Amino acid sequence: MTAPNRRRFVTGTIAAAAAAGSGLATATAAASPSSHPLVVEPADPRYADLAVRGSNKRFTARPEAFVLATTTEQVVVAVREAVRDGKRIAVRSGGHCYENFVGDTSVRRVVDLAGMDTVRWDAARGAFEIGAGARLVDVYRALYYGWGVTVPGGASATVAFGGHVQGGGYGALSRRHGISSDHLLAVEVVVVDARGRARAVVATRDANDPNRELWWAHTGAGGGNFGVVTRYWFRSPAARGSDPATALPRPHGSVLTSAVMFPREGMTRNAFRTLVGNHGRWHERNSGPRSPYTGLFSGLVLLGHQGESDQGLSAVAFTHLDATLPDAGRLLQDHIDAVSAGVGVQAYAAPPETLPWLASVESLAASQDAESGRQKIKSSYLRRAFTDEQIDVLYGFLGSTEHTNDSSSVSIQSYGGLVNTVGPRSTASWQRGSVMKALFMNTWQSPERDAANVDWLRRLYAGVYQDTGGVPAPNDRNEGCFINFPDIDMADPKWNTSGVPWHRLYFGDNYHRLQAVKAKWDPREVFHHPLSVRAAR
């Protein structure tokens, strides 16, 4: 549904959605649709669709009401009335949270921001305004077709900007242009003061802005911490002038893509060690800010055995490279040769294909959005390649058929480059020394298999990090975890025996500063979840 159509749907049906008993200020003949959000309660047939809109099917949100907002004013009303009524609220933009932060039974009202999907040039600020509900690929399409620019974020047709940017979202352009929040100029947030009053505040990166710390906190702390983000403004720090075509990075016009598939047959333990080690060591050597490979984004996807339905693949190495680089073909082949060297299995390499930039993004999004079902996910930042001992753990778990999942994978993706030229305290995204990210995912369909599948991934991850207490405790090899893939096990002493608190894994030395922001802007702790910033006591 297009943005204008979605807004017409929401504002045109407010009166029909009002229901007795909720305590919310729902729309009546005397209430303007522009000032009150649409309220959808359990008796409304649309409630069931909203309940299952989240991507992780392990969790279903069933609050007293979904509150669908299309304006900042409506969000202020929703938050004010929830605080007045003593109802816990949660916020949803794209619905991609991998933990049960929105579906928790204590959440009574879910503020849904899907209708807030504006993408426009704001001449007054000299920046692009993007609504919290706008989805990544939709934003890229609007920015690229409209002005030839983009924000260096992830690739997904369903993830929205709301949470993605707050957690320091990254993607195929990050090695060249940094992460999405590195380009954040300003953020509008609906906050609640100590007296319970809700209001909208704009915080900017301007050094003289009294609200600057609130802006800073939204560059890496993740969603659900300080208030409800309603919209962002993006402008690169180095941008000059008033031309929107120079306000953000311009992506390369075409992308050289490749995929190399490694069969399970012949993939011995030593071959697996060689493959994973090659990929990691290549990134150690080629992730500096001046490397010609800042224009490369690659992933080595290690695939779990699927039993009788297994397709015989042990791993897939994919690569997206700036096709406009001099000798792009040679650079790509050198990369493929370095990753494949000495593996000793007969891999299949698809012929490289050159795609227009936006088509390459849509292709990557289609592959990354393919997993659907009940999921558990974990993450880590890698300063260096996995050790042989860690690779052996991956080999044992992923090659085993003693599990009940439908699919499992460990995806080791490119990072570093220009990301690491920003200081760890300049934004709230403190991980600025890693060259890769690892994403551990398990997917299945049956609720009866939840416990077994969650336990399987927990044991795999704990085994990989057994030398550091079951977690990627920061050291010369690890740099903690990615808050956009939240994992409550990091706060569980059963699974985190490192002695390193969960907040250091996600926020590093920035946590105390984030606590001060929390104390100032959410003193009543209206916004919270198991991995949210807590005010210092």
Protein backbone atom coordinates (compact mmCIF):
# COMPACT_ATOMS: atom_id res chain seq x y z
CA MET A 1 0.00 0.00 0.00
CA THR A 2 1.39 3.42 -0.87
CA ALA A 3 1.97 6.04 1.81
CA PRO A 4 -0.99 8.27 0.83
CA ASN A 5 -3.33 5.28 0.58
CA ARG A 6 -2.25 4.00 4.00
CA ARG A 7 -2.96 7.38 5.57
CA ARG A 8 -6.39 7.55 3.95
CA PHE A 9 -7.14 4.09 5.32
CA VAL A 10 -6.16 5.08 8.84
CA THR A 11 -7.75 8.53 9.02
CA GLY A 12 -10.84 7.48 7.13
CA THR A 13 -11.79 4.70 9.53
CA ILE A 14 -11.16 6.22 12.95
CA ALA A 15 -14.81 6.71 13.81
CA ALA A 16 -15.62 3.11 12.95
CA ALA A 17 -12.89 1.81 15.24
CA ALA A 18 -14.06 3.46 18.45
CA ALA A 19 -15.17 0.97 21.07
CA ALA A 20 -16.37 1.24 24.65
CA GLY A 21 -14.36 0.29 27.70
CA SER A 22 -10.84 1.11 26.55
CA GLY A 23 -10.43 4.42 28.34
CA LEU A 24 -8.71 5.86 25.26
CA ALA A 25 -9.82 9.09 23.65
CA THR A 26 -11.12 7.43 20.52
CA ALA A 27 -12.62 9.44 17.70
CA THR A 28 -16.18 10.76 17.84
CA ALA A 29 -18.09 13.31 15.85
CA ALA A 30 -16.54 16.02 18.04
CA ALA A 31 -12.95 14.79 17.62
CA SER A 32 -10.77 15.66 14.67
CA PRO A 33 -9.15 12.71 12.88
CA SER A 34 -5.98 14.81 12.70
CA SER A 35 -5.60 14.91 16.49
CA HIS A 36 -6.56 11.39 17.59
CA PRO A 37 -5.09 8.11 16.36
CA LEU A 38 -7.04 5.13 15.19
CA VAL A 39 -7.67 2.64 18.00
CA VAL A 40 -8.11 -1.04 17.09
CA GLU A 41 -9.40 -3.27 19.89
CA PRO A 42 -9.91 -7.07 20.02
CA ALA A 43 -13.51 -6.93 18.73
CA ASP A 44 -12.30 -5.25 15.54
CA PRO A 45 -11.53 -7.81 12.78
CA ARG A 46 -8.36 -5.87 11.94
CA TYR A 47 -6.95 -6.65 15.38
CA ALA A 48 -5.98 -10.19 14.35
CA ASP A 49 -3.90 -8.92 11.43
CA LEU A 50 -2.13 -6.37 13.60
CA ALA A 51 -1.43 -9.03 16.23
CA VAL A 52 0.63 -11.14 13.84
CA ARG A 53 2.38 -8.32 11.95
CA GLY A 54 5.69 -8.98 13.71
CA SER A 55 8.28 -10.94 11.74
CA ASN A 56 9.19 -13.42 14.49
CA LYS A 57 6.21 -15.75 14.73
CA ARG A 58 7.26 -16.94 18.19
CA PHE A 59 5.67 -13.79 19.54
CA THR A 60 2.16 -12.45 19.06
CA ALA A 61 1.16 -9.04 20.39
CA ARG A 62 -2.25 -9.05 22.07
CA PRO A 63 -2.60 -5.76 23.93
CA GLU A 64 -5.82 -4.07 24.98
CA ALA A 65 -5.49 -1.99 21.82
CA PHE A 66 -3.31 -1.17 18.87
CA VAL A 67 -3.00 2.57 18.38
CA LEU A 68 -2.29 3.49 14.76
CA ALA A 69 -0.74 6.92 14.44
CA THR A 70 -0.02 8.93 11.31
CA THR A 71 1.15 12.20 12.87
CA THR A 72 3.35 13.31 15.74
CA GLU A 73 0.32 14.93 17.35
CA GLN A 74 -1.45 11.57 17.39
CA VAL A 75 1.56 9.90 19.02
CA VAL A 76 1.56 12.57 21.75
CA VAL A 77 -2.13 11.85 22.37
CA ALA A 78 -1.54 8.08 22.49
CA VAL A 79 1.36 8.37 24.93
CA ARG A 80 -0.39 10.95 27.11
CA GLU A 81 -3.50 8.80 27.46
CA ALA A 82 -1.54 5.63 28.17
CA VAL A 83 0.39 7.38 30.95
CA ARG A 84 -2.81 8.89 32.31
CA ASP A 85 -4.49 5.47 32.41
CA GLY A 86 -1.47 3.68 33.85
CA LYS A 87 -1.12 1.43 30.79
CA ARG A 88 2.26 0.14 29.72
CA ILE A 89 3.01 0.94 26.09
CA ALA A 90 5.33 -0.45 23.45
CA VAL A 91 6.18 0.95 20.04
CA ARG A 92 6.31 -0.81 16.68
CA SER A 93 7.42 0.51 13.30
CA GLY A 94 8.44 -2.39 11.05
CA GLY A 95 7.73 -5.23 13.47
CA HIS A 96 11.21 -6.76 13.23
CA CYS A 97 12.11 -7.15 16.90
CA TYR A 98 13.55 -10.62 17.49
CA GLU A 99 12.68 -10.67 21.20
CA ASN A 100 9.28 -10.33 22.83
CA PHE A 101 9.50 -6.62 23.60
CA VAL A 102 6.18 -5.74 21.96
CA GLY A 103 4.23 -8.94 22.67
CA ASP A 104 4.99 -9.06 26.40
CA THR A 105 1.74 -9.62 28.29
CA SER A 106 2.34 -6.55 30.46
CA VAL A 107 2.13 -4.31 27.36
CA ARG A 108 -1.42 -3.00 27.18
CA ARG A 109 -1.16 -0.60 24.22
CA VAL A 110 1.00 -0.91 21.13
CA VAL A 111 1.63 2.31 19.24
CA ASP A 112 2.01 1.28 15.60
CA LEU A 113 3.90 3.75 13.40
CA ALA A 114 3.57 1.99 10.03
CA GLY A 115 1.54 4.90 8.66
CA MET A 116 4.27 7.43 9.41
CA ASP A 117 6.26 6.73 6.26
CA THR A 118 7.03 10.16 4.80
CA VAL A 119 10.18 10.63 2.71
CA ARG A 120 10.75 14.24 1.65
CA TRP A 121 13.32 17.00 1.36
CA ASP A 122 12.97 19.53 4.19
CA ALA A 123 14.46 22.73 2.78
CA ALA A 124 14.21 24.53 6.12
CA ARG A 125 16.55 22.00 7.78
CA GLY A 126 18.52 21.24 4.65
CA ALA A 127 17.94 17.54 5.28
CA PHE A 128 15.77 14.60 4.30
CA GLU A 129 12.83 13.93 6.60
CA ILE A 130 12.03 10.24 6.96
CA GLY A 131 9.14 8.89 9.02
CA ALA A 132 9.73 6.17 11.60
CA GLY A 133 7.38 3.80 9.78
CA ALA A 134 9.07 4.12 6.38
CA ARG A 135 10.53 0.81 5.22
CA LEU A 136 14.12 0.55 4.12
CA VAL A 137 13.77 -0.35 0.45
CA ASP A 138 10.90 2.14 0.04
CA VAL A 139 13.15 4.87 1.43
CA TYR A 140 16.05 3.90 -0.81
CA ARG A 141 13.79 3.94 -3.84
CA ALA A 142 12.37 7.38 -2.99
CA LEU A 143 15.78 8.92 -2.25
CA TYR A 144 17.50 7.38 -5.25
CA TYR A 145 14.83 8.06 -7.85
CA GLY A 146 14.16 11.51 -6.45
CA TRP A 147 17.66 12.82 -5.81
CA GLY A 148 20.24 10.10 -6.58
CA VAL A 149 21.24 9.65 -2.93
CA THR A 150 20.73 7.13 -0.14
CA VAL A 151 21.23 6.32 3.55
CA PRO A 152 23.74 3.48 4.16
CA GLY A 153 21.43 1.08 5.97
CA GLY A 154 20.37 -2.55 5.75
CA ALA A 155 18.56 -4.37 2.95
CA SER A 156 15.00 -5.39 3.71
CA ALA A 157 11.59 -4.74 2.22
CA THR A 158 9.95 -4.95 5.65
CA VAL A 159 12.34 -3.46 8.24
CA ALA A 160 11.40 0.15 9.05
CA PHE A 161 13.62 3.10 9.85
CA GLY A 162 12.14 3.55 13.34
CA GLY A 163 14.22 0.95 15.17
CA HIS A 164 16.84 0.35 12.50
CA VAL A 165 18.51 3.75 12.80
CA GLN A 166 18.36 3.89 16.59
CA GLY A 167 20.44 0.71 16.75
CA GLY A 168 23.04 1.86 14.22
CA GLY A 169 21.68 -0.04 11.22
CA TYR A 170 24.27 -1.07 8.65
CA GLY A 171 24.37 -2.57 5.19
CA ALA A 172 26.16 -3.03 1.88
CA LEU A 173 27.34 0.61 1.68
CA SER A 174 28.57 0.91 5.26
CA ARG A 175 32.21 0.05 4.58
CA ARG A 176 32.33 3.06 2.26
CA HIS A 177 29.90 5.48 3.94
CA GLY A 178 29.49 4.40 7.57
CA ILE A 179 26.32 3.28 9.32
CA SER A 180 22.91 4.90 9.00
CA SER A 181 23.09 6.87 12.24
CA ASP A 182 26.41 8.42 11.19
CA HIS A 183 24.28 10.57 8.85
CA LEU A 184 21.57 11.47 11.36
CA LEU A 185 21.10 15.21 11.70
CA ALA A 186 18.04 15.32 13.94
CA VAL A 187 15.37 13.19 15.54
CA GLU A 188 11.88 13.98 16.79
CA VAL A 189 10.92 12.06 19.93
CA VAL A 190 7.75 12.00 22.00
CA VAL A 191 8.95 11.97 25.61
CA VAL A 192 7.31 11.94 29.03
CA ASP A 193 8.51 14.21 31.83
CA ALA A 194 8.52 13.57 35.58
CA ARG A 195 4.95 14.88 35.88
CA GLY A 196 3.68 12.50 33.22
CA ARG A 197 3.28 15.09 30.49
CA ALA A 198 3.91 13.89 26.94
CA ARG A 199 5.41 16.25 24.38
CA ALA A 200 7.40 16.14 21.16
CA VAL A 201 11.04 17.24 21.23
CA VAL A 202 13.48 17.69 18.34
CA ALA A 203 17.12 16.93 19.14
CA THR A 204 19.97 17.63 16.73
CA ARG A 205 23.69 17.00 16.41
CA ASP A 206 24.34 20.76 16.60
CA ALA A 207 26.97 21.24 19.30
CA ASN A 208 24.93 24.11 20.77
CA ASP A 209 21.64 22.22 20.91
CA PRO A 210 20.57 21.76 24.57
CA ASN A 211 18.87 18.53 23.50
CA ARG A 212 21.98 17.15 21.77
CA GLU A 213 22.45 14.26 24.19
CA LEU A 214 19.01 12.96 23.25
CA TRP A 215 20.11 13.01 19.59
CA TRP A 216 23.33 11.20 20.52
CA ALA A 217 21.45 8.45 22.39
CA HIS A 218 19.43 7.71 19.25
CA THR A 219 22.56 6.89 17.24
CA GLY A 220 23.10 3.44 18.74
CA ALA A 221 21.10 2.62 21.88
CA GLY A 222 18.31 0.79 20.04
CA GLY A 223 14.57 1.29 20.21
CA GLY A 224 12.25 1.49 23.20
CA ASN A 225 14.55 3.46 25.49
CA PHE A 226 13.76 7.17 25.76
CA GLY A 227 10.49 7.84 23.97
CA VAL A 228 8.71 7.32 20.67
CA VAL A 229 10.71 8.36 17.61
CA THR A 230 8.30 9.81 15.06
CA ARG A 231 10.68 11.09 12.38
CA TYR A 232 14.31 11.58 11.48
CA TRP A 233 16.25 14.10 9.43
CA PHE A 234 19.33 12.92 7.54
CA ARG A 235 22.24 14.97 6.27
CA SER A 236 25.86 13.80 6.08
CA PRO A 237 28.23 15.66 8.42
CA ALA A 238 30.45 16.67 5.49
CA ALA A 239 27.58 17.91 3.29
CA ARG A 240 27.70 21.54 2.21
CA GLY A 241 25.20 23.80 0.46
CA SER A 242 21.47 23.51 -0.08
CA ASP A 243 21.33 21.02 -2.96
CA PRO A 244 19.55 17.84 -1.80
CA ALA A 245 21.53 15.85 -4.36
CA THR A 246 24.67 16.48 -2.27
CA ALA A 247 23.18 16.09 1.21
CA LEU A 248 23.67 12.31 1.46
CA PRO A 249 25.98 9.71 -0.12
CA ARG A 250 25.49 8.83 -3.76
CA PRO A 251 25.59 5.05 -4.25
CA HIS A 252 27.64 3.58 -7.05
CA GLY A 253 25.55 3.23 -10.18
CA SER A 254 26.08 -0.48 -10.69
CA VAL A 255 27.06 -3.50 -8.62
CA LEU A 256 29.03 -6.58 -9.57
CA THR A 257 27.48 -9.55 -7.76
CA SER A 258 28.67 -13.10 -7.32
CA ALA A 259 27.81 -16.25 -5.39
CA VAL A 260 30.02 -19.26 -4.73
CA MET A 261 28.35 -22.41 -3.38
CA PHE A 262 30.32 -24.95 -1.38
CA PRO A 263 28.82 -28.46 -1.23
CA ARG A 264 28.48 -30.45 1.96
CA GLU A 265 30.04 -33.44 0.24
CA GLY A 266 33.77 -33.34 0.85
CA MET A 267 33.52 -30.48 3.36
CA THR A 268 35.70 -32.01 6.04
CA ARG A 269 36.51 -30.34 9.31
CA ASN A 270 39.82 -29.11 7.92
CA ALA A 271 38.17 -27.83 4.74
CA PHE A 272 35.61 -25.95 6.84
CA ARG A 273 38.37 -24.47 8.97
CA THR A 274 40.13 -23.29 5.84
CA LEU A 275 37.03 -21.71 4.30
CA VAL A 276 35.87 -19.83 7.40
CA GLY A 277 39.41 -18.87 8.31
CA ASN A 278 40.14 -17.57 4.80
CA HIS A 279 37.06 -15.36 4.84
CA GLY A 280 37.90 -13.92 8.23
CA ARG A 281 41.57 -13.31 7.54
CA TRP A 282 40.72 -11.63 4.23
CA HIS A 283 38.62 -9.12 6.18
CA GLU A 284 41.43 -8.56 8.66
CA ARG A 285 43.67 -7.54 5.75
CA ASN A 286 41.18 -5.57 3.64
CA SER A 287 38.96 -3.50 5.94
CA GLY A 288 40.93 -0.29 6.35
CA PRO A 289 39.33 3.01 5.35
CA ARG A 290 41.64 3.42 2.33
CA SER A 291 41.30 -0.12 1.04
CA PRO A 292 39.94 -0.46 -2.51
CA TYR A 293 37.61 -2.99 -0.95
CA THR A 294 35.55 -0.44 0.97
CA GLY A 295 33.25 -0.82 -2.02
CA LEU A 296 32.76 -4.52 -1.26
CA PHE A 297 30.13 -6.16 0.93
CA SER A 298 30.30 -9.92 1.32
CA GLY A 299 28.84 -12.62 3.46
CA LEU A 300 29.85 -16.18 4.15
CA VAL A 301 26.64 -17.99 5.05
CA LEU A 302 27.27 -21.27 6.86
CA LEU A 303 24.23 -23.51 6.45
CA GLY A 304 22.88 -26.01 8.93
CA HIS A 305 22.07 -29.55 7.80
CA GLN A 306 18.36 -29.94 7.04
CA GLY A 307 18.18 -33.71 7.36
CA GLU A 308 16.26 -35.49 4.62
CA SER A 309 15.41 -32.16 2.94
CA ASP A 310 19.00 -30.95 2.90
CA GLN A 311 20.05 -29.49 -0.43
CA GLY A 312 23.65 -30.50 -0.03
CA LEU A 313 25.12 -27.05 0.55
CA SER A 314 27.52 -26.36 3.39
CA ALA A 315 28.12 -22.67 2.71
CA VAL A 316 27.43 -19.85 0.27
CA ALA A 317 29.78 -16.91 -0.20
CA PHE A 318 28.04 -13.89 -1.75
CA THR A 319 29.67 -10.62 -2.80
CA HIS A 320 28.44 -7.19 -3.88
CA LEU A 321 31.18 -4.95 -5.29
CA ASP A 322 31.13 -1.45 -6.75
CA ALA A 323 31.19 -2.23 -10.48
CA THR A 324 32.46 1.25 -11.33
CA LEU A 325 35.82 0.62 -9.66
CA PRO A 326 38.83 0.30 -11.94
CA ASP A 327 39.58 -3.40 -12.36
CA ALA A 328 36.37 -4.35 -10.52
CA GLY A 329 36.39 -7.77 -12.15
CA ARG A 330 39.94 -8.48 -10.99
CA LEU A 331 39.20 -7.24 -7.46
CA LEU A 332 36.19 -9.54 -7.27
CA GLN A 333 38.09 -12.55 -8.56
CA ASP A 334 41.00 -11.91 -6.19
CA HIS A 335 38.53 -11.87 -3.31
CA ILE A 336 36.87 -15.11 -4.43
CA ASP A 337 40.25 -16.78 -4.92
CA ALA A 338 41.43 -15.74 -1.45
CA VAL A 339 38.30 -17.08 0.25
CA SER A 340 38.35 -20.37 -1.73
CA ALA A 341 42.10 -21.06 -1.56
CA GLY A 342 42.96 -24.52 -0.26
CA VAL A 343 39.41 -25.49 0.69
CA GLY A 344 39.69 -28.56 -1.51
CA VAL A 345 36.04 -29.08 -2.43
CA GLN A 346 34.48 -28.60 -5.85
CA ALA A 347 32.61 -25.34 -5.43
CA TYR A 348 30.15 -23.94 -7.94
CA ALA A 349 30.65 -20.26 -8.81
CA ALA A 350 27.74 -18.58 -10.56
CA PRO A 351 28.86 -16.23 -13.33
CA PRO A 352 29.24 -12.67 -11.95
CA GLU A 353 26.34 -10.40 -12.82
CA THR A 354 26.26 -6.62 -13.05
CA LEU A 355 23.10 -5.04 -11.69
CA PRO A 356 21.90 -1.47 -11.35
CA TRP A 357 22.44 -0.35 -7.75
CA LEU A 358 18.80 -0.33 -6.64
CA ALA A 359 18.16 -3.71 -8.30
CA SER A 360 21.09 -5.13 -6.32
CA VAL A 361 19.57 -3.82 -3.09
CA GLU A 362 16.21 -5.36 -3.91
CA SER A 363 17.92 -8.66 -4.74
CA LEU A 364 19.77 -8.65 -1.42
CA ALA A 365 16.57 -7.76 0.42
CA ALA A 366 14.70 -10.65 -1.20
CA SER A 367 17.31 -13.13 0.01
CA GLN A 368 17.55 -11.66 3.51
CA ASP A 369 13.76 -11.54 3.96
CA ALA A 370 13.30 -15.15 2.83
CA GLU A 371 13.44 -16.70 6.33
CA SER A 372 9.98 -16.86 7.88
CA GLY A 373 8.69 -18.58 10.98
CA ARG A 374 9.55 -18.87 14.65
CA GLN A 375 13.07 -17.65 15.27
CA LYS A 376 15.92 -17.20 17.69
CA ILE A 377 18.81 -14.96 16.70
CA LYS A 378 22.15 -13.95 18.18
CA SER A 379 24.96 -11.69 17.04
CA SER A 380 28.56 -10.69 17.56
CA TYR A 381 31.10 -8.18 16.33
CA LEU A 382 34.42 -9.68 15.19
CA ARG A 383 37.70 -7.80 15.33
CA ARG A 384 39.45 -10.88 13.96
CA ALA A 385 38.63 -14.19 12.31
CA PHE A 386 37.15 -17.06 14.30
CA THR A 387 39.77 -19.41 15.74
CA ASP A 388 40.01 -23.03 14.60
CA GLU A 389 38.43 -24.10 17.88
CA GLN A 390 35.44 -21.80 17.30
CA ILE A 391 35.12 -23.02 13.72
CA ASP A 392 35.09 -26.61 14.97
CA VAL A 393 32.08 -25.82 17.16
CA LEU A 394 30.26 -24.34 14.16
CA TYR A 395 31.16 -27.39 12.09
CA GLY A 396 29.83 -29.78 14.70
CA PHE A 397 26.51 -28.04 15.27
CA LEU A 398 25.75 -27.03 11.68
CA GLY A 399 26.68 -30.42 10.27
CA SER A 400 24.59 -32.36 12.77
CA THR A 401 21.10 -33.71 12.07
CA GLU A 402 20.27 -33.96 15.78
CA HIS A 403 17.93 -30.97 15.83
CA THR A 404 14.34 -30.09 14.93
CA ASN A 405 14.81 -26.78 13.09
CA ASP A 406 13.75 -26.13 9.52
CA SER A 407 16.79 -24.00 8.78
CA SER A 408 19.78 -22.64 10.63
CA SER A 409 22.70 -20.49 9.60
CA VAL A 410 25.62 -18.42 10.74
CA SER A 411 26.20 -15.46 8.43
CA ILE A 412 29.56 -13.70 8.71
CA GLN A 413 29.24 -10.31 7.01
CA SER A 414 31.59 -7.50 6.01
CA TYR A 415 32.06 -4.54 8.33
CA GLY A 416 34.78 -2.00 9.06
CA GLY A 417 36.08 0.44 6.47
CA LEU A 418 34.70 3.96 7.02
CA VAL A 419 32.64 2.67 9.96
CA ASN A 420 35.82 2.50 12.01
CA THR A 421 36.90 6.09 11.31
CA VAL A 422 34.24 7.36 13.74
CA GLY A 423 35.20 7.40 17.41
CA PRO A 424 33.38 5.00 19.78
CA ARG A 425 31.99 7.92 21.79
CA SER A 426 31.08 10.15 18.86
CA THR A 427 27.82 8.21 18.52
CA ALA A 428 26.15 5.70 20.80
CA SER A 429 27.28 2.91 18.43
CA TRP A 430 30.50 2.14 20.26
CA GLN A 431 31.70 -0.87 18.20
CA ARG A 432 34.17 0.87 15.89
CA GLY A 433 36.99 -1.67 15.73
CA SER A 434 35.37 -4.70 14.09
CA VAL A 435 35.82 -5.98 10.54
CA MET A 436 32.90 -8.43 10.50
CA LYS A 437 29.56 -9.14 12.12
CA ALA A 438 28.28 -12.64 12.76
CA LEU A 439 24.54 -13.35 12.79
CA PHE A 440 23.39 -16.68 14.26
CA MET A 441 19.84 -17.68 13.28
CA ASN A 442 17.57 -20.65 13.83
CA THR A 443 14.09 -20.94 12.23
CA TRP A 444 11.31 -23.45 12.73
CA GLN A 445 7.50 -23.54 12.46
CA SER A 446 5.97 -25.57 15.28
CA PRO A 447 5.38 -23.99 18.73
CA GLU A 448 6.02 -27.41 20.27
CA ARG A 449 9.62 -27.13 19.10
CA ASP A 450 10.33 -23.75 20.69
CA ALA A 451 12.26 -24.96 23.71
CA ALA A 452 14.42 -27.42 21.79
CA ASN A 453 15.31 -24.94 19.06
CA VAL A 454 16.08 -22.04 21.36
CA ASP A 455 18.26 -24.38 23.42
CA TRP A 456 20.08 -25.61 20.30
CA LEU A 457 21.14 -22.12 19.26
CA ARG A 458 22.04 -21.22 22.81
CA ARG A 459 24.39 -24.19 23.05
CA LEU A 460 25.95 -23.44 19.65
CA TYR A 461 26.65 -19.83 20.60
CA ALA A 462 27.91 -20.73 24.07
CA GLY A 463 30.26 -23.23 22.49
CA VAL A 464 31.66 -20.69 20.04
CA TYR A 465 32.37 -18.31 22.92
CA GLN A 466 33.24 -20.86 25.60
CA ASP A 467 36.61 -19.20 26.26
CA THR A 468 34.94 -15.87 27.10
CA GLY A 469 32.05 -17.00 29.30
CA GLY A 470 29.62 -17.93 26.55
CA VAL A 471 29.44 -14.43 25.06
CA PRO A 472 31.64 -12.25 22.79
CA ALA A 473 33.15 -10.37 25.72
CA PRO A 474 35.16 -7.41 24.41
CA ASN A 475 38.83 -8.22 23.87
CA ASP A 476 41.30 -8.27 20.99
CA ARG A 477 39.01 -10.62 19.00
CA ASN A 478 35.46 -9.68 20.01
CA GLU A 479 33.57 -6.42 20.36
CA GLY A 480 30.27 -7.42 21.90
CA CYS A 481 26.81 -7.70 20.32
CA PHE A 482 24.51 -5.78 17.95
CA ILE A 483 21.51 -4.21 19.72
CA ASN A 484 19.33 -4.41 16.61
CA PHE A 485 19.44 -8.19 17.09
CA PRO A 486 18.58 -8.19 20.80
CA ASP A 487 19.17 -11.36 22.76
CA ILE A 488 17.90 -11.57 26.34
CA ASP A 489 20.34 -14.40 27.05
CA MET A 490 23.07 -11.78 27.32
CA ALA A 491 21.43 -10.68 30.59
CA ASP A 492 20.96 -14.24 31.87
CA PRO A 493 23.76 -15.50 34.16
CA LYS A 494 23.03 -19.04 33.00
CA TRP A 495 24.21 -18.17 29.49
CA ASN A 496 26.49 -15.23 30.22
CA THR A 497 29.10 -16.43 32.70
CA SER A 498 31.74 -13.94 31.59
CA GLY A 499 31.28 -11.46 34.41
CA VAL A 500 30.73 -8.81 31.71
CA PRO A 501 27.30 -7.18 32.13
CA TRP A 502 24.89 -7.34 29.23
CA HIS A 503 24.97 -3.58 28.73
CA ARG A 504 28.72 -3.59 28.15
CA LEU A 505 28.25 -6.15 25.38
CA TYR A 506 25.83 -3.83 23.60
CA PHE A 507 26.89 -0.33 24.64
CA GLY A 508 30.46 -0.61 25.91
CA ASP A 509 31.78 2.44 27.71
CA ASN A 510 28.82 4.51 26.51
CA TYR A 511 26.36 3.00 28.97
CA HIS A 512 26.80 5.48 31.82
CA ARG A 513 26.25 8.36 29.42
CA LEU A 514 23.11 6.65 28.11
CA GLN A 515 21.91 6.28 31.70
CA ALA A 516 22.16 10.03 32.17
CA VAL A 517 20.06 10.57 29.03
CA LYS A 518 17.52 8.08 30.36
CA ALA A 519 17.27 9.86 33.72
CA LYS A 520 16.66 13.22 32.05
CA TRP A 521 14.28 12.26 29.27
CA ASP A 522 12.37 9.27 30.69
CA PRO A 523 12.44 9.79 34.47
CA ARG A 524 9.29 7.70 34.99
CA GLU A 525 10.71 4.83 32.91
CA VAL A 526 7.63 4.76 30.73
CA PHE A 527 9.68 3.13 27.98
CA HIS A 528 11.44 -0.09 28.90
CA HIS A 529 12.11 -3.71 27.98
CA PRO A 530 14.58 -6.37 29.20
CA LEU A 531 17.54 -4.84 27.32
CA SER A 532 16.68 -1.15 27.60
CA VAL A 533 18.88 1.45 29.24
CA ARG A 534 18.19 1.79 32.98
CA ALA A 535 18.64 5.11 34.76
CA ALA A 536 21.41 5.05 37.38
CA ARG A 537 20.15 4.55 40.93
